[in-house]
Protein backbone atom coordinates (compact mmCIF):
# COMPACT_ATOMS: atom_id res chain seq x y z
CA MET A 1 -11.93 -19.18 20.70
CA ILE A 2 -10.37 -15.58 18.34
CA LYS A 3 -12.44 -15.09 15.68
CA ASP A 4 -10.44 -16.27 12.61
CA LEU A 5 -6.88 -16.93 14.69
CA PRO A 6 -6.84 -21.17 13.38
CA LYS A 7 -7.19 -19.55 10.05
CA LYS A 8 -4.91 -17.34 10.33
CA LEU A 9 -1.94 -19.31 11.97
CA GLN A 10 -2.49 -21.49 9.22
CA SER A 11 -2.16 -19.21 6.59
CA LEU A 12 0.20 -17.79 7.95
CA ARG A 13 2.60 -21.16 8.83
CA THR A 14 2.29 -22.14 5.03
CA GLN A 15 3.37 -17.92 3.61
CA HIS A 16 6.52 -18.25 5.50
CA ASN A 17 7.15 -22.51 4.13
CA PHE A 18 7.02 -23.69 8.36
CA SER A 19 5.27 -27.35 8.58
CA GLN A 20 3.28 -27.56 12.26
CA LYS A 21 6.94 -30.00 13.69
CA GLN A 22 9.65 -26.43 12.77
CA VAL A 23 6.31 -23.76 14.23
CA SER A 24 6.85 -25.36 17.62
CA GLU A 25 10.11 -26.24 17.38
CA LYS A 26 10.50 -22.36 17.65
CA ILE A 27 8.34 -21.46 19.71
CA HIS A 28 9.16 -24.10 21.69
CA VAL A 29 6.06 -25.83 21.98
CA SER A 30 4.71 -29.72 21.18
CA PRO A 31 3.09 -30.46 17.22
CA SER A 32 0.48 -31.26 19.17
CA ILE A 33 0.10 -27.76 20.69
CA ILE A 34 0.13 -26.05 16.74
CA SER A 35 -2.31 -28.96 16.17
CA GLY A 36 -4.56 -26.93 18.08
CA TYR A 37 -4.23 -23.39 17.59
CA GLU A 38 -4.62 -24.37 13.55
CA THR A 39 -8.34 -26.35 14.39
CA GLY A 40 -9.34 -23.26 17.01
CA GLU A 41 -9.57 -26.40 19.79
CA ARG A 42 -6.47 -24.55 21.75
CA THR A 43 -5.86 -21.20 22.38
CA PRO A 44 -2.41 -19.24 22.62
CA SER A 45 -1.47 -18.56 25.99
CA THR A 46 0.22 -14.58 25.63
CA GLU A 47 2.79 -16.27 25.43
CA ASN A 48 2.88 -18.28 22.61
CA LEU A 49 1.26 -15.26 21.30
CA LEU A 50 3.16 -13.22 21.38
CA ALA A 51 6.03 -15.22 19.87
CA LEU A 52 4.00 -15.70 17.03
CA SER A 53 3.87 -13.02 16.22
CA TYR A 54 7.31 -12.29 16.26
CA LEU A 55 7.13 -15.60 13.74
CA TYR A 56 5.14 -14.12 11.60
CA HIS A 57 6.35 -10.69 11.48
CA CYS A 58 3.32 -9.48 12.82
CA SER A 59 1.00 -7.76 15.64
CA THR A 60 -0.86 -9.84 17.99
CA ASP A 61 -3.60 -6.76 16.81
CA TYR A 62 -3.63 -8.29 13.64
CA LEU A 63 -3.83 -12.27 15.04
CA LEU A 64 -6.98 -10.82 17.72
CA GLY A 65 -8.55 -10.15 15.33
CA ARG A 66 -8.29 -6.13 15.98
CA GLN A 67 -7.12 -4.83 13.45
CA THR A 68 -7.48 -6.19 9.43
CA ASP A 69 -3.40 -5.20 7.97
CA ASN A 70 -0.99 -8.09 9.13
CA SER A 71 1.83 -5.68 8.93
CA LEU A 72 3.83 -5.03 11.82
CA TYR A 73 5.03 -1.47 10.98
CA THR A 74 3.27 1.10 9.12
CA ILE A 75 4.57 4.56 7.13
CA ASP A 76 3.26 8.06 7.83
CA VAL A 77 3.45 8.85 3.43
CA SER A 78 0.84 11.53 4.15
CA GLY A 79 3.17 15.06 2.77
CA LEU A 80 4.61 13.33 0.41
CA ASN A 81 4.70 12.92 -3.25
CA ASP A 82 4.73 9.93 -5.69
CA GLN A 83 8.12 9.53 -6.81
CA GLN A 84 9.40 10.18 -3.28
CA ILE A 85 6.75 7.92 -1.67
CA LYS A 86 7.89 4.84 -4.92
CA ALA A 87 11.71 5.39 -3.79
CA ILE A 88 10.39 5.47 -0.14
CA ILE A 89 9.30 1.36 -1.07
CA ALA A 90 11.64 0.40 -3.36
CA LEU A 91 14.63 0.95 -0.11
CA VAL A 92 12.47 -1.11 0.84
CA GLU A 93 13.00 -3.73 -1.31
CA SER A 94 16.07 -3.33 -1.75
CA ILE A 95 16.45 -4.51 1.80
CA ARG A 96 14.46 -7.07 2.05
CA SER A 97 16.15 -8.38 -1.02
CA LYS A 98 19.51 -8.52 0.97
């Protein structure tokens, strides 16, 4: 079993307001398989791990515990001032809300 994977999968599913059945339909497996992933009784195949990372918008490294941040992308803001950083954050938020 991959450390903390069941907890992460359950947390991500609830954050995205999905039921286990919805997740199973989206990645084309049975609901009992999703339940097994979330209880730690099963470990996702590479294909299913990748599908889950796409579904939850996170990296496989996050799911596998190799990265503590669950963001898929990072932006290097070094060299920018506070006003420029705030403008980037505002842009991202405006795109996200559309």
